[in-house]
Amino acid sequence: MGRSFALRVVFFALLSILFGWGMTTLSEGVIASKWTFEDSWVVKMFEVSEVPVEETEEGVLFDEWRTEALDIDVLFLSGEYRGTRAVARVEHLKDNKLDLRPGLHYILSYNEFEDGSRIFFVSDIFRAPVFVGLFTGAVIFFCLVTGLTGIRALVGLFLSFVILVKLLLPGLLKGYPPQALGVAAVAGVALVTILSVVRRRRCWPSAFSGALGGCVSALVFGWGSIFMLRLSGLSTATASLLASTVPGIDLRGILLASIIIGASGAVLDVAVSVTSAMAEMKDHDPGIEARVLFQSGINVGKEVLGSMVNTLVFAYFGNSLVLSLLILEAEPIPIAMLNDSVIAEEVIRALAGTAGLLLTIPLTALFGTLMMSGRSVQSGEG
């Protein structure tokens, strides 16, 4: 049985790779034709040749910024020159990590000056079709392996994404309270996820109540931490840019909303895991005592909690890996690190998620016992 499953997984993987490659090939022309930016084109590289450039005084003085001229033979795949093959001279940093290779697709851009002259340069590789192929292959592989359950989970994920993009983000830009919007968005995501993933209808209320209670716990912990540490939400360059672009936006509230949303995934996992385990026990032994069922839910939650704490911490650490390397390279004083707002925000995210998990477990176990047993949990014998 195990060998048969392994062979099926390998077959599904090969099939997914084939579909992904096909989608990459089919989407190249379509996506390129939709590239309508005025200052850039999608091009296919045929040949790259160096052009000798006389060193300027500035080039010698600032050697790390020296440029070189390249003649590139390209075929335009977008814009008004689509279908045209031409040779363009581009400026290219000598130490640029963007490797220009024949046969690959790139983004050719230009800067125009007041006198009408232009400097052309290759700004990036054209990776959108590959992204589409990878995404398609991953989705197909997931659905083939997991079947109907996986399809339901993907539908729930898509609807959750719609809630965040179509409701939460526009609401934040319009100035609605970030905390209330964050809780409402998390409630919507939790509802959609539970309806999509949890098969037993009697488990829906307990899983939803536990998840929502955990998110509220993360909200309270995050609010208290932000207040005590006097965090403004302006610790990153992105946040500063948003503040200058959208005057009057509540960055502290947005920081709190991001903490709630970041914790919601782990909180939902724990709520669904505890509820499903309790439901399995109830199905196996319909006469199980409420006290035993409740304690079993707590025990399952404790074990899940250990791995989920690691998930939260490592997720935030991985997201801040580049920042961590910069901090390590600078050899900072430990007490200065404790005072850094960026580090404080990341630590609060992990701690708030943990606080949410701690409340999710007993709430889910309590509501699960009430829903499945039809009576309150007795602290004594029963």
Protein backbone atom coordinates (compact mmCIF):
# COMPACT_ATOMS: atom_id res chain seq x y z
CA MET A 1 0.00 0.00 0.00
CA GLY A 2 2.81 2.39 0.89
CA ARG A 3 4.65 1.60 -2.35
CA SER A 4 1.50 2.18 -4.38
CA PHE A 5 0.97 5.55 -2.73
CA ALA A 6 4.59 6.54 -3.36
CA LEU A 7 4.29 5.63 -7.04
CA ARG A 8 1.11 7.67 -7.33
CA VAL A 9 2.79 10.68 -5.72
CA VAL A 10 5.71 10.40 -8.16
CA PHE A 11 3.31 10.14 -11.09
CA PHE A 12 1.32 13.13 -9.85
CA ALA A 13 4.55 15.11 -9.43
CA LEU A 14 5.66 14.39 -13.00
CA LEU A 15 2.21 15.24 -14.32
CA SER A 16 2.20 18.52 -12.37
CA ILE A 17 5.64 19.43 -13.71
CA LEU A 18 4.41 18.77 -17.25
CA PHE A 19 1.33 20.94 -16.75
CA GLY A 20 3.42 23.67 -15.13
CA TRP A 21 5.89 23.70 -18.02
CA GLY A 22 3.04 23.84 -20.51
CA MET A 23 1.40 26.72 -18.68
CA THR A 24 4.71 28.59 -18.63
CA THR A 25 5.06 28.20 -22.39
CA LEU A 26 1.45 29.14 -23.14
CA SER A 27 1.42 32.17 -20.85
CA GLU A 28 4.63 33.80 -22.15
CA GLY A 29 3.05 35.43 -25.17
CA VAL A 30 -0.17 36.34 -23.38
CA ILE A 31 1.52 38.02 -20.42
CA ALA A 32 4.07 39.77 -22.64
CA SER A 33 1.29 41.22 -24.80
CA LYS A 34 -0.33 42.67 -21.65
CA TRP A 35 2.88 44.49 -20.69
CA THR A 36 1.86 48.04 -21.59
CA PHE A 37 4.19 50.18 -19.49
CA GLU A 38 5.42 53.25 -21.35
CA ASP A 39 9.05 53.05 -20.22
CA SER A 40 9.74 49.32 -20.62
CA TRP A 41 9.29 46.34 -22.93
CA VAL A 42 9.50 42.59 -22.70
CA VAL A 43 12.29 41.35 -24.97
CA LYS A 44 13.87 38.04 -25.90
CA MET A 45 17.67 38.10 -25.80
CA PHE A 46 19.59 36.74 -28.80
CA GLU A 47 23.12 38.08 -28.42
CA VAL A 48 25.14 40.14 -25.95
CA SER A 49 28.44 41.85 -26.82
CA GLU A 50 30.63 44.25 -24.84
CA VAL A 51 31.45 47.73 -26.11
CA PRO A 52 34.78 49.30 -25.03
CA VAL A 53 34.05 52.35 -22.89
CA GLU A 54 36.61 54.96 -21.94
CA GLU A 55 36.88 55.25 -18.17
CA THR A 56 35.73 58.57 -16.75
CA GLU A 57 37.19 60.27 -13.73
CA GLU A 58 34.10 59.40 -11.77
CA GLY A 59 34.38 55.78 -12.88
CA VAL A 60 37.89 55.51 -11.48
CA LEU A 61 36.99 57.35 -8.28
CA PHE A 62 33.87 55.26 -7.58
CA ASP A 63 35.00 51.93 -8.92
CA GLU A 64 32.15 49.97 -7.39
CA TRP A 65 29.65 51.98 -9.47
CA ARG A 66 31.47 51.73 -12.81
CA THR A 67 29.28 50.88 -15.75
CA GLU A 68 29.90 49.15 -19.04
CA ALA A 69 28.14 49.46 -22.35
CA LEU A 70 26.62 46.39 -23.97
CA ASP A 71 25.08 45.86 -27.38
CA ILE A 72 22.14 43.48 -27.10
CA ASP A 73 20.31 41.86 -29.99
CA VAL A 74 16.69 41.47 -28.89
CA LEU A 75 13.20 40.69 -30.16
CA PHE A 76 10.47 42.93 -28.76
CA LEU A 77 7.53 40.94 -27.37
CA SER A 78 5.41 43.85 -26.13
CA GLY A 79 4.53 47.44 -26.86
CA GLU A 80 4.56 49.31 -30.15
CA TYR A 81 7.69 47.47 -31.33
CA ARG A 82 6.26 44.01 -30.77
CA GLY A 83 7.63 41.54 -33.30
CA THR A 84 10.59 43.80 -34.17
CA ARG A 85 14.16 42.60 -33.82
CA ALA A 86 16.74 45.28 -33.09
CA VAL A 87 20.12 45.99 -31.52
CA ALA A 88 20.08 48.28 -28.48
CA ARG A 89 22.99 49.72 -26.53
CA VAL A 90 22.43 49.48 -22.79
CA GLU A 91 24.26 50.72 -19.71
CA HIS A 92 25.09 47.92 -17.31
CA LEU A 93 26.75 47.94 -13.90
CA LYS A 94 29.92 45.85 -14.01
CA ASP A 95 29.07 44.10 -10.76
CA ASN A 96 25.40 43.67 -11.62
CA LYS A 97 24.13 40.27 -10.52
CA LEU A 98 21.67 40.18 -13.44
CA ASP A 99 23.27 37.75 -15.87
CA LEU A 100 22.30 38.41 -19.50
CA ARG A 101 22.00 35.17 -21.42
CA PRO A 102 20.77 34.51 -24.97
CA GLY A 103 17.41 32.76 -25.11
CA LEU A 104 16.00 34.26 -21.93
CA HIS A 105 13.37 36.99 -21.62
CA TYR A 106 14.12 40.31 -19.92
CA ILE A 107 12.59 43.71 -19.17
CA LEU A 108 14.26 46.43 -21.26
CA SER A 109 13.74 49.89 -19.72
CA TYR A 110 14.97 53.42 -20.31
CA ASN A 111 15.44 56.76 -18.58
CA GLU A 112 14.64 59.88 -20.60
CA PHE A 113 16.36 63.21 -19.88
CA GLU A 114 15.22 66.78 -20.44
CA ASP A 115 17.06 67.05 -23.78
CA GLY A 116 15.18 64.02 -25.10
CA SER A 117 18.12 61.62 -24.88
CA ARG A 118 17.59 58.16 -23.46
CA ILE A 119 19.70 55.65 -21.58
CA PHE A 120 18.56 52.05 -21.99
CA PHE A 121 19.17 49.35 -19.41
CA VAL A 122 17.97 45.84 -18.61
CA SER A 123 16.04 46.23 -15.36
CA ASP A 124 15.05 42.64 -14.60
CA ILE A 125 14.40 39.19 -15.94
CA PHE A 126 10.87 38.46 -17.19
CA ARG A 127 9.78 35.83 -14.67
CA ALA A 128 5.98 36.19 -14.66
CA PRO A 129 5.33 33.17 -16.97
CA VAL A 130 7.58 30.96 -14.84
CA PHE A 131 5.70 32.10 -11.75
CA VAL A 132 2.40 31.17 -13.42
CA GLY A 133 3.80 27.76 -14.34
CA LEU A 134 5.12 27.07 -10.84
CA PHE A 135 1.85 28.15 -9.27
CA THR A 136 -0.20 26.02 -11.65
CA GLY A 137 1.99 22.97 -11.13
CA ALA A 138 1.87 23.32 -7.35
CA VAL A 139 -1.93 23.68 -7.32
CA ILE A 140 -2.41 20.66 -9.59
CA PHE A 141 -0.04 18.53 -7.52
CA PHE A 142 -1.79 19.55 -4.30
CA CYS A 143 -5.23 18.73 -5.70
CA LEU A 144 -4.14 15.37 -7.16
CA VAL A 145 -2.59 14.22 -3.88
CA THR A 146 -5.25 15.50 -1.48
CA GLY A 147 -8.35 15.04 -3.65
CA LEU A 148 -11.62 16.74 -2.77
CA THR A 149 -10.34 17.87 0.64
CA GLY A 150 -7.49 19.76 -0.99
CA ILE A 151 -9.80 21.37 -3.52
CA ARG A 152 -12.07 22.56 -0.71
CA ALA A 153 -9.05 23.94 1.14
CA LEU A 154 -7.91 25.85 -1.96
CA VAL A 155 -11.39 27.29 -2.42
CA GLY A 156 -11.32 28.45 1.20
CA LEU A 157 -7.85 29.95 0.71
CA PHE A 158 -9.01 31.82 -2.38
CA LEU A 159 -12.06 33.23 -0.60
CA SER A 160 -9.88 34.23 2.37
CA PHE A 161 -7.54 36.04 0.01
CA VAL A 162 -10.52 37.86 -1.51
CA ILE A 163 -11.62 38.98 1.97
CA LEU A 164 -8.19 40.40 2.73
CA VAL A 165 -7.60 42.08 -0.64
CA LYS A 166 -11.10 43.31 -1.44
CA LEU A 167 -12.34 44.23 2.03
CA LEU A 168 -9.47 44.68 4.48
CA LEU A 169 -6.98 46.64 2.35
CA PRO A 170 -9.48 49.10 0.81
CA GLY A 171 -11.01 49.66 4.24
CA LEU A 172 -7.62 50.49 5.74
CA LEU A 173 -6.88 52.97 2.95
CA LYS A 174 -10.27 54.63 3.51
CA GLY A 175 -9.41 55.24 7.15
CA TYR A 176 -11.64 52.73 8.91
CA PRO A 177 -10.38 51.53 12.34
CA PRO A 178 -7.64 48.96 11.64
CA GLN A 179 -8.33 46.97 14.81
CA ALA A 180 -12.01 46.44 14.02
CA LEU A 181 -11.25 45.69 10.38
CA GLY A 182 -8.56 43.21 11.39
CA VAL A 183 -10.89 41.31 13.72
CA ALA A 184 -13.68 41.32 11.11
CA ALA A 185 -11.31 40.08 8.41
CA VAL A 186 -9.96 37.33 10.65
CA ALA A 187 -13.53 36.30 11.54
CA GLY A 188 -14.38 36.09 7.85
CA VAL A 189 -11.24 34.10 7.07
CA ALA A 190 -11.90 31.74 9.99
CA LEU A 191 -15.50 31.19 8.91
CA VAL A 192 -14.56 30.49 5.30
CA THR A 193 -11.70 28.18 6.28
CA ILE A 194 -13.75 26.17 8.76
CA LEU A 195 -16.70 25.77 6.39
CA SER A 196 -14.31 24.62 3.66
CA VAL A 197 -12.09 22.27 5.66
CA VAL A 198 -14.05 20.86 8.62
CA ARG A 199 -16.39 18.09 7.47
CA ARG A 200 -18.52 17.71 10.60
CA ARG A 201 -21.03 20.53 10.90
CA ARG A 202 -21.36 20.12 14.64
CA CYS A 203 -17.69 21.11 14.94
CA TRP A 204 -18.07 24.43 13.15
CA PRO A 205 -19.19 26.55 16.15
CA SER A 206 -16.46 25.27 18.48
CA ALA A 207 -13.66 25.68 15.94
CA PHE A 208 -14.85 29.18 15.00
CA SER A 209 -15.31 30.30 18.61
CA GLY A 210 -11.90 29.00 19.64
CA ALA A 211 -10.13 30.59 16.68
CA LEU A 212 -11.86 33.94 17.13
CA GLY A 213 -11.16 33.93 20.86
CA GLY A 214 -7.49 33.23 20.19
CA CYS A 215 -7.27 36.11 17.72
CA VAL A 216 -8.88 38.45 20.24
CA SER A 217 -6.31 37.29 22.79
CA ALA A 218 -3.52 38.10 20.34
CA LEU A 219 -5.16 41.50 19.77
CA VAL A 220 -5.22 42.31 23.49
CA PHE A 221 -1.62 41.18 23.99
CA GLY A 222 -0.46 43.10 20.93
CA TRP A 223 -2.28 46.26 21.97
CA GLY A 224 -0.78 46.14 25.45
CA SER A 225 2.71 45.51 24.10
CA ILE A 226 2.51 48.32 21.54
CA PHE A 227 1.24 50.71 24.21
CA MET A 228 3.94 49.82 26.75
CA LEU A 229 6.80 49.85 24.23
CA ARG A 230 5.53 53.06 22.59
CA LEU A 231 5.78 51.61 19.09
CA SER A 232 4.63 53.88 16.28
CA GLY A 233 4.54 51.43 13.37
CA LEU A 234 7.15 53.52 11.52
CA SER A 235 10.06 51.15 12.03
CA THR A 236 10.50 50.22 8.36
CA ALA A 237 11.09 52.24 5.22
CA THR A 238 7.91 50.78 3.72
CA ALA A 239 5.83 52.06 6.63
CA SER A 240 7.41 55.51 6.35
CA LEU A 241 6.64 55.57 2.63
CA LEU A 242 3.02 54.62 3.32
CA ALA A 243 2.73 57.38 5.92
CA SER A 244 3.99 59.97 3.44
CA THR A 245 1.78 58.64 0.64
CA VAL A 246 -1.46 58.31 2.65
CA PRO A 247 -1.56 61.18 5.18
CA GLY A 248 -3.46 60.50 8.39
CA ILE A 249 -3.30 56.72 8.16
CA ASP A 250 -3.16 54.94 11.52
CA LEU A 251 0.12 53.02 11.32
CA ARG A 252 -0.03 51.87 14.92
CA GLY A 253 -3.46 50.39 14.28
CA ILE A 254 -2.21 48.78 11.07
CA LEU A 255 0.67 47.23 13.03
CA LEU A 256 -1.86 45.78 15.44
CA ALA A 257 -4.03 44.49 12.58
CA SER A 258 -0.98 42.82 11.03
CA ILE A 259 -0.28 41.08 14.34
CA ILE A 260 -3.84 39.70 14.43
CA ILE A 261 -3.72 38.48 10.84
CA GLY A 262 -0.27 36.98 11.31
CA ALA A 263 -1.48 34.98 14.30
CA SER A 264 -4.73 33.85 12.66
CA GLY A 265 -3.14 31.07 10.61
CA ALA A 266 -1.60 29.25 13.56
CA VAL A 267 -4.68 29.88 15.71
CA LEU A 268 -6.93 28.37 13.06
CA ASP A 269 -4.67 25.33 12.74
CA VAL A 270 -4.86 24.66 16.46
CA ALA A 271 -8.62 25.21 16.65
CA VAL A 272 -9.31 22.83 13.76
CA SER A 273 -6.83 20.22 15.06
CA VAL A 274 -8.32 20.18 18.56
CA THR A 275 -11.90 20.12 17.27
CA SER A 276 -11.19 17.30 14.81
CA ALA A 277 -9.45 15.20 17.46
CA MET A 278 -12.34 15.65 19.88
CA ALA A 279 -14.87 14.79 17.18
CA GLU A 280 -12.99 11.59 16.33
CA MET A 281 -13.03 10.58 19.99
CA LYS A 282 -16.76 11.32 20.23
CA ASP A 283 -17.47 9.26 17.11
CA HIS A 284 -15.38 6.37 18.44
CA ASP A 285 -16.97 6.48 21.90
CA PRO A 286 -20.36 8.26 21.86
CA GLY A 287 -20.71 7.75 25.62
CA ILE A 288 -17.46 9.46 26.55
CA GLU A 289 -17.74 11.68 29.61
CA ALA A 290 -17.66 15.43 29.08
CA ARG A 291 -14.78 15.82 31.54
CA VAL A 292 -12.69 13.22 29.70
CA LEU A 293 -13.51 14.76 26.33
CA PHE A 294 -12.53 18.22 27.56
CA GLN A 295 -9.25 17.00 29.06
CA SER A 296 -8.44 15.10 25.87
CA GLY A 297 -8.92 18.29 23.86
CA ILE A 298 -6.59 20.13 26.24
CA ASN A 299 -3.95 17.39 25.95
CA VAL A 300 -4.09 17.42 22.15
CA GLY A 301 -3.86 21.20 22.17
CA LYS A 302 -0.79 21.17 24.39
CA GLU A 303 1.08 18.89 22.00
CA VAL A 304 0.05 20.92 18.96
CA LEU A 305 1.04 24.10 20.79
CA GLY A 306 4.67 23.02 21.04
CA SER A 307 5.11 22.70 17.29
CA MET A 308 2.99 25.76 16.53
CA VAL A 309 5.17 28.00 18.69
CA ASN A 310 8.14 26.88 16.60
CA THR A 311 6.14 27.58 13.46
CA LEU A 312 5.42 31.14 14.55
CA VAL A 313 8.97 31.92 15.68
CA PHE A 314 10.68 30.37 12.67
CA ALA A 315 8.24 31.99 10.24
CA TYR A 316 9.04 35.45 11.57
CA PHE A 317 12.75 34.64 11.79
CA GLY A 318 12.81 33.44 8.19
CA ASN A 319 11.00 36.57 7.08
CA SER A 320 13.64 38.68 8.84
CA LEU A 321 16.68 36.60 7.87
CA VAL A 322 18.33 39.36 5.84
CA LEU A 323 17.79 41.82 8.67
CA SER A 324 19.24 39.28 11.12
CA LEU A 325 22.38 38.93 8.99
CA LEU A 326 22.81 42.70 8.86
CA ILE A 327 22.46 42.90 12.64
CA LEU A 328 25.00 40.11 13.14
CA GLU A 329 27.46 41.72 10.73
CA ALA A 330 27.23 45.03 12.59
CA GLU A 331 28.07 43.29 15.90
CA PRO A 332 25.59 45.37 17.91
CA ILE A 333 25.50 45.78 21.64
CA PRO A 334 22.81 43.44 23.06
CA ILE A 335 21.12 46.19 25.04
CA ALA A 336 20.86 48.28 21.86
CA MET A 337 19.12 45.38 20.11
CA LEU A 338 16.51 45.27 22.85
CA ASN A 339 15.77 48.93 22.16
CA ASP A 340 15.42 48.52 18.39
CA SER A 341 11.84 49.04 17.18
CA VAL A 342 12.13 46.61 14.26
CA ILE A 343 13.25 43.78 16.53
CA ALA A 344 10.59 44.70 19.08
CA GLU A 345 7.85 44.45 16.45
CA GLU A 346 8.99 41.01 15.28
CA VAL A 347 9.20 39.70 18.85
CA ILE A 348 5.73 41.05 19.63
CA ARG A 349 4.30 39.29 16.57
CA ALA A 350 5.63 35.95 17.78
CA LEU A 351 4.56 36.52 21.40
CA ALA A 352 1.08 37.70 20.41
CA GLY A 353 0.63 34.61 18.26
CA THR A 354 1.68 32.44 21.19
CA ALA A 355 -0.76 34.24 23.49
CA GLY A 356 -3.49 33.60 20.95
CA LEU A 357 -2.64 29.90 20.85
CA LEU A 358 -2.74 29.64 24.64
CA LEU A 359 -6.33 30.89 24.78
CA THR A 360 -7.44 29.04 21.65
CA ILE A 361 -6.84 25.61 23.20
CA PRO A 362 -9.11 25.86 26.28
CA LEU A 363 -11.77 27.81 24.40
CA THR A 364 -11.92 25.25 21.61
CA ALA A 365 -11.95 22.36 24.07
CA LEU A 366 -14.69 24.02 26.12
CA PHE A 367 -16.96 24.88 23.21
CA GLY A 368 -16.26 21.51 21.60
CA THR A 369 -17.33 19.70 24.75
CA LEU A 370 -20.48 21.80 25.07
CA MET A 371 -21.43 21.27 21.43
CA MET A 372 -20.69 17.53 21.37
CA SER A 373 -21.87 16.52 24.83
CA GLY A 374 -24.80 18.86 25.22
CA ARG A 375 -23.89 19.69 28.80
CA SER A 376 -21.35 21.77 30.68
CA VAL A 377 -17.98 20.43 31.73
CA GLN A 378 -17.96 19.30 35.32
CA SER A 379 -14.83 19.94 37.28
CA GLY A 380 -15.40 16.97 39.50
CA GLU A 381 -16.63 13.49 38.72
CA GLY A 382 -19.09 13.09 35.90
